Amino acid sequence: MSPPSPVDPESIPKEVKDGAVASILGSLAMTARLLLHTGPEPITFFWVVRRVSVAAIVAAFVGWGIQDHISSASLRMAVIGACGYAAPEVADYVLKYIKARGEAEVAKVTKRIPSNGKKRPAKRK
C-alpha cells in the first residue's frame, strides 16, 4: 500500500486560500482582544470559542466579499482584521436586540392573560 500523494498547493482554489487567510486573520485579531480583556464578565471556554468563531466566520465572508473591490493587499488585510475584531460585539448586540424584541412580543401576549391567580367564571349555557 503506497502512502497518499501530497496535496499540491497550486490545486487549491484561490477563494479557499483567501477564505482561510481571512479566517486566520479574524481569529488572531479576536485572540489578541481576548488576551487584553479586562471586562467584569467571566471568561469561559465556550465564551472564547463563540467569539473566536464569530470573528473567523465574519472575516472569511468579508475577505471573499472585498477581494475584487480592494486591490491593495495590506488594505484588504486591514479591513478583514478590523471586521474580525468588531464582529463579536456586533453579534452580541444583534442577539440582545432579538432577545429584547422576543421578550416584548411575549409580554404583549401575556398581558392579555389575567395573571392574578383567579380562574375565569364559567360561561352559562
C-alpha atoms as a PDB file:
ATOM      1  CA  MET A   1       0.000   0.000   0.000  1.00  0.00           C
ATOM      2  CA  SER A   2       1.525   3.305  -1.042  1.00  0.00           C
ATOM      3  CA  PRO A   3       1.204   6.489   1.003  1.00  0.00           C
ATOM      4  CA  PRO A   4      -1.267   9.090  -0.256  1.00  0.00           C
ATOM      5  CA  SER A   5       0.136  11.662  -2.627  1.00  0.00           C
ATOM      6  CA  PRO A   6       0.839  15.073  -1.071  1.00  0.00           C
ATOM      7  CA  VAL A   7      -1.605  17.876  -1.742  1.00  0.00           C
ATOM      8  CA  ASP A   8      -0.403  20.252  -4.429  1.00  0.00           C
ATOM      9  CA  PRO A   9      -0.824  23.850  -3.174  1.00  0.00           C
ATOM     10  CA  GLU A  10      -1.489  25.013  -6.723  1.00  0.00           C
ATOM     11  CA  SER A  11      -4.545  22.742  -6.964  1.00  0.00           C
ATOM     12  CA  ILE A  12      -6.346  24.533  -4.100  1.00  0.00           C
ATOM     13  CA  PRO A  13      -8.746  27.217  -5.439  1.00  0.00           C
ATOM     14  CA  LYS A  14      -7.805  30.839  -4.770  1.00  0.00           C
ATOM     15  CA  GLU A  15     -11.116  31.503  -2.990  1.00  0.00           C
ATOM     16  CA  VAL A  16     -10.418  28.753  -0.464  1.00  0.00           C
ATOM     17  CA  LYS A  17      -6.920  30.102   0.206  1.00  0.00           C
ATOM     18  CA  ASP A  18      -8.253  33.657   0.636  1.00  0.00           C
ATOM     19  CA  GLY A  19     -11.017  32.442   2.943  1.00  0.00           C
ATOM     20  CA  ALA A  20      -8.534  30.536   5.077  1.00  0.00           C
ATOM     21  CA  VAL A  21      -6.222  33.545   5.355  1.00  0.00           C
ATOM     22  CA  ALA A  22      -9.148  35.819   6.229  1.00  0.00           C
ATOM     23  CA  SER A  23     -10.402  33.393   8.887  1.00  0.00           C
ATOM     24  CA  ILE A  24      -6.956  33.156  10.426  1.00  0.00           C
ATOM     25  CA  LEU A  25      -6.613  36.957  10.487  1.00  0.00           C
ATOM     26  CA  GLY A  26     -10.013  37.384  12.128  1.00  0.00           C
ATOM     27  CA  SER A  27      -9.256  34.684  14.684  1.00  0.00           C
ATOM     28  CA  LEU A  28      -5.885  36.235  15.509  1.00  0.00           C
ATOM     29  CA  ALA A  29      -7.473  39.666  15.941  1.00  0.00           C
ATOM     30  CA  MET A  30     -10.043  38.193  18.312  1.00  0.00           C
ATOM     31  CA  THR A  31      -7.374  36.253  20.199  1.00  0.00           C
ATOM     32  CA  ALA A  32      -5.429  39.477  20.716  1.00  0.00           C
ATOM     33  CA  ARG A  33      -8.562  41.101  22.130  1.00  0.00           C
ATOM     34  CA  LEU A  34      -9.160  38.184  24.470  1.00  0.00           C
ATOM     35  CA  LEU A  35      -5.613  38.402  25.783  1.00  0.00           C
ATOM     36  CA  LEU A  36      -6.186  42.087  26.578  1.00  0.00           C
ATOM     37  CA  HIS A  37      -9.651  41.513  28.110  1.00  0.00           C
ATOM     38  CA  THR A  38     -10.264  43.436  31.331  1.00  0.00           C
ATOM     39  CA  GLY A  39     -14.073  43.366  31.484  1.00  0.00           C
ATOM     40  CA  PRO A  40     -16.095  42.320  34.525  1.00  0.00           C
ATOM     41  CA  GLU A  41     -17.760  39.331  32.850  1.00  0.00           C
ATOM     42  CA  PRO A  42     -16.133  35.941  33.426  1.00  0.00           C
ATOM     43  CA  ILE A  43     -14.270  34.297  30.563  1.00  0.00           C
ATOM     44  CA  THR A  44     -15.285  30.699  29.951  1.00  0.00           C
ATOM     45  CA  PHE A  45     -14.042  28.286  27.325  1.00  0.00           C
ATOM     46  CA  PHE A  46     -17.306  28.404  25.367  1.00  0.00           C
ATOM     47  CA  TRP A  47     -17.385  32.213  25.520  1.00  0.00           C
ATOM     48  CA  VAL A  48     -13.922  32.279  23.936  1.00  0.00           C
ATOM     49  CA  VAL A  49     -14.841  29.664  21.312  1.00  0.00           C
ATOM     50  CA  ARG A  50     -18.008  31.566  20.380  1.00  0.00           C
ATOM     51  CA  ARG A  51     -16.220  34.878  19.967  1.00  0.00           C
ATOM     52  CA  VAL A  52     -13.272  33.464  18.032  1.00  0.00           C
ATOM     53  CA  SER A  53     -15.640  31.505  15.769  1.00  0.00           C
ATOM     54  CA  VAL A  54     -17.741  34.588  15.024  1.00  0.00           C
ATOM     55  CA  ALA A  55     -14.588  36.577  14.244  1.00  0.00           C
ATOM     56  CA  ALA A  56     -13.275  33.866  11.908  1.00  0.00           C
ATOM     57  CA  ILE A  57     -16.561  33.407  10.050  1.00  0.00           C
ATOM     58  CA  VAL A  58     -17.138  37.136   9.558  1.00  0.00           C
ATOM     59  CA  ALA A  59     -13.536  37.669   8.463  1.00  0.00           C
ATOM     60  CA  ALA A  60     -13.852  34.880   5.882  1.00  0.00           C
ATOM     61  CA  PHE A  61     -17.037  36.357   4.419  1.00  0.00           C
ATOM     62  CA  VAL A  62     -15.566  39.867   4.379  1.00  0.00           C
ATOM     63  CA  GLY A  63     -12.437  38.540   2.698  1.00  0.00           C
ATOM     64  CA  TRP A  64     -14.472  36.900  -0.035  1.00  0.00           C
ATOM     65  CA  GLY A  65     -16.649  39.971  -0.408  1.00  0.00           C
ATOM     66  CA  ILE A  66     -13.894  42.564  -0.786  1.00  0.00           C
ATOM     67  CA  GLN A  67     -11.306  40.654  -2.809  1.00  0.00           C
ATOM     68  CA  ASP A  68     -12.439  42.256  -6.078  1.00  0.00           C
ATOM     69  CA  HIS A  69     -13.061  45.721  -4.623  1.00  0.00           C
ATOM     70  CA  ILE A  70      -9.798  46.468  -2.801  1.00  0.00           C
ATOM     71  CA  SER A  71      -6.658  45.890  -4.826  1.00  0.00           C
ATOM     72  CA  SER A  72      -4.077  46.723  -2.136  1.00  0.00           C
ATOM     73  CA  ALA A  73      -3.210  43.574  -0.175  1.00  0.00           C
ATOM     74  CA  SER A  74      -2.289  45.456   3.004  1.00  0.00           C
ATOM     75  CA  LEU A  75      -5.521  47.466   2.984  1.00  0.00           C
ATOM     76  CA  ARG A  76      -7.517  44.303   2.319  1.00  0.00           C
ATOM     77  CA  MET A  77      -5.894  42.571   5.307  1.00  0.00           C
ATOM     78  CA  ALA A  78      -6.532  45.640   7.485  1.00  0.00           C
ATOM     79  CA  VAL A  79     -10.232  45.633   6.566  1.00  0.00           C
ATOM     80  CA  ILE A  80     -10.501  41.900   7.219  1.00  0.00           C
ATOM     81  CA  GLY A  81      -8.771  42.232  10.589  1.00  0.00           C
ATOM     82  CA  ALA A  82     -10.937  45.187  11.623  1.00  0.00           C
ATOM     83  CA  CYS A  83     -14.134  43.332  10.727  1.00  0.00           C
ATOM     84  CA  GLY A  84     -12.991  40.254  12.629  1.00  0.00           C
ATOM     85  CA  TYR A  85     -12.106  42.492  15.553  1.00  0.00           C
ATOM     86  CA  ALA A  86     -15.558  44.111  15.684  1.00  0.00           C
ATOM     87  CA  ALA A  87     -17.686  41.079  14.783  1.00  0.00           C
ATOM     88  CA  PRO A  88     -18.281  39.663  18.300  1.00  0.00           C
ATOM     89  CA  GLU A  89     -19.680  42.957  19.628  1.00  0.00           C
ATOM     90  CA  VAL A  90     -21.959  43.310  16.640  1.00  0.00           C
ATOM     91  CA  ALA A  91     -23.146  39.718  17.103  1.00  0.00           C
ATOM     92  CA  ASP A  92     -23.756  40.337  20.830  1.00  0.00           C
ATOM     93  CA  TYR A  93     -25.774  43.478  20.039  1.00  0.00           C
ATOM     94  CA  VAL A  94     -27.876  41.658  17.435  1.00  0.00           C
ATOM     95  CA  LEU A  95     -28.566  38.789  19.838  1.00  0.00           C
ATOM     96  CA  LYS A  96     -29.577  41.195  22.621  1.00  0.00           C
ATOM     97  CA  TYR A  97     -31.833  43.102  20.211  1.00  0.00           C
ATOM     98  CA  ILE A  98     -33.532  39.902  19.037  1.00  0.00           C
ATOM     99  CA  LYS A  99     -33.967  38.722  22.623  1.00  0.00           C
ATOM    100  CA  ALA A 100     -35.460  42.060  23.690  1.00  0.00           C
ATOM    101  CA  ARG A 101     -37.892  42.053  20.749  1.00  0.00           C
ATOM    102  CA  GLY A 102     -38.921  38.490  21.557  1.00  0.00           C
ATOM    103  CA  GLU A 103     -39.492  39.330  25.210  1.00  0.00           C
ATOM    104  CA  ALA A 104     -41.560  42.362  24.185  1.00  0.00           C
ATOM    105  CA  GLU A 105     -43.765  40.176  21.983  1.00  0.00           C
ATOM    106  CA  VAL A 106     -44.191  37.640  24.777  1.00  0.00           C
ATOM    107  CA  ALA A 107     -45.113  40.461  27.173  1.00  0.00           C
ATOM    108  CA  LYS A 108     -47.799  41.669  24.747  1.00  0.00           C
ATOM    109  CA  VAL A 109     -49.328  38.209  24.611  1.00  0.00           C
ATOM    110  CA  THR A 110     -49.130  37.536  28.335  1.00  0.00           C
ATOM    111  CA  LYS A 111     -50.613  40.960  29.134  1.00  0.00           C
ATOM    112  CA  ARG A 112     -53.946  39.761  27.741  1.00  0.00           C
ATOM    113  CA  ILE A 113     -53.996  36.757  30.075  1.00  0.00           C
ATOM    114  CA  PRO A 114     -55.023  37.621  33.644  1.00  0.00           C
ATOM    115  CA  SER A 115     -52.253  36.618  35.988  1.00  0.00           C
ATOM    116  CA  ASN A 116     -53.920  37.241  39.375  1.00  0.00           C
ATOM    117  CA  GLY A 117     -54.295  33.530  40.022  1.00  0.00           C
ATOM    118  CA  LYS A 118     -58.084  33.565  39.846  1.00  0.00           C
ATOM    119  CA  LYS A 119     -59.943  31.364  37.427  1.00  0.00           C
ATOM    120  CA  ARG A 120     -62.364  32.838  34.968  1.00  0.00           C
ATOM    121  CA  PRO A 121     -66.005  32.200  35.744  1.00  0.00           C
ATOM    122  CA  ALA A 122     -67.605  29.509  33.655  1.00  0.00           C
ATOM    123  CA  LYS A 123     -69.916  30.671  30.879  1.00  0.00           C
ATOM    124  CA  ARG A 124     -73.619  29.909  31.263  1.00  0.00           C
ATOM    125  CA  LYS A 125     -75.414  27.952  28.630  1.00  0.00           C
END
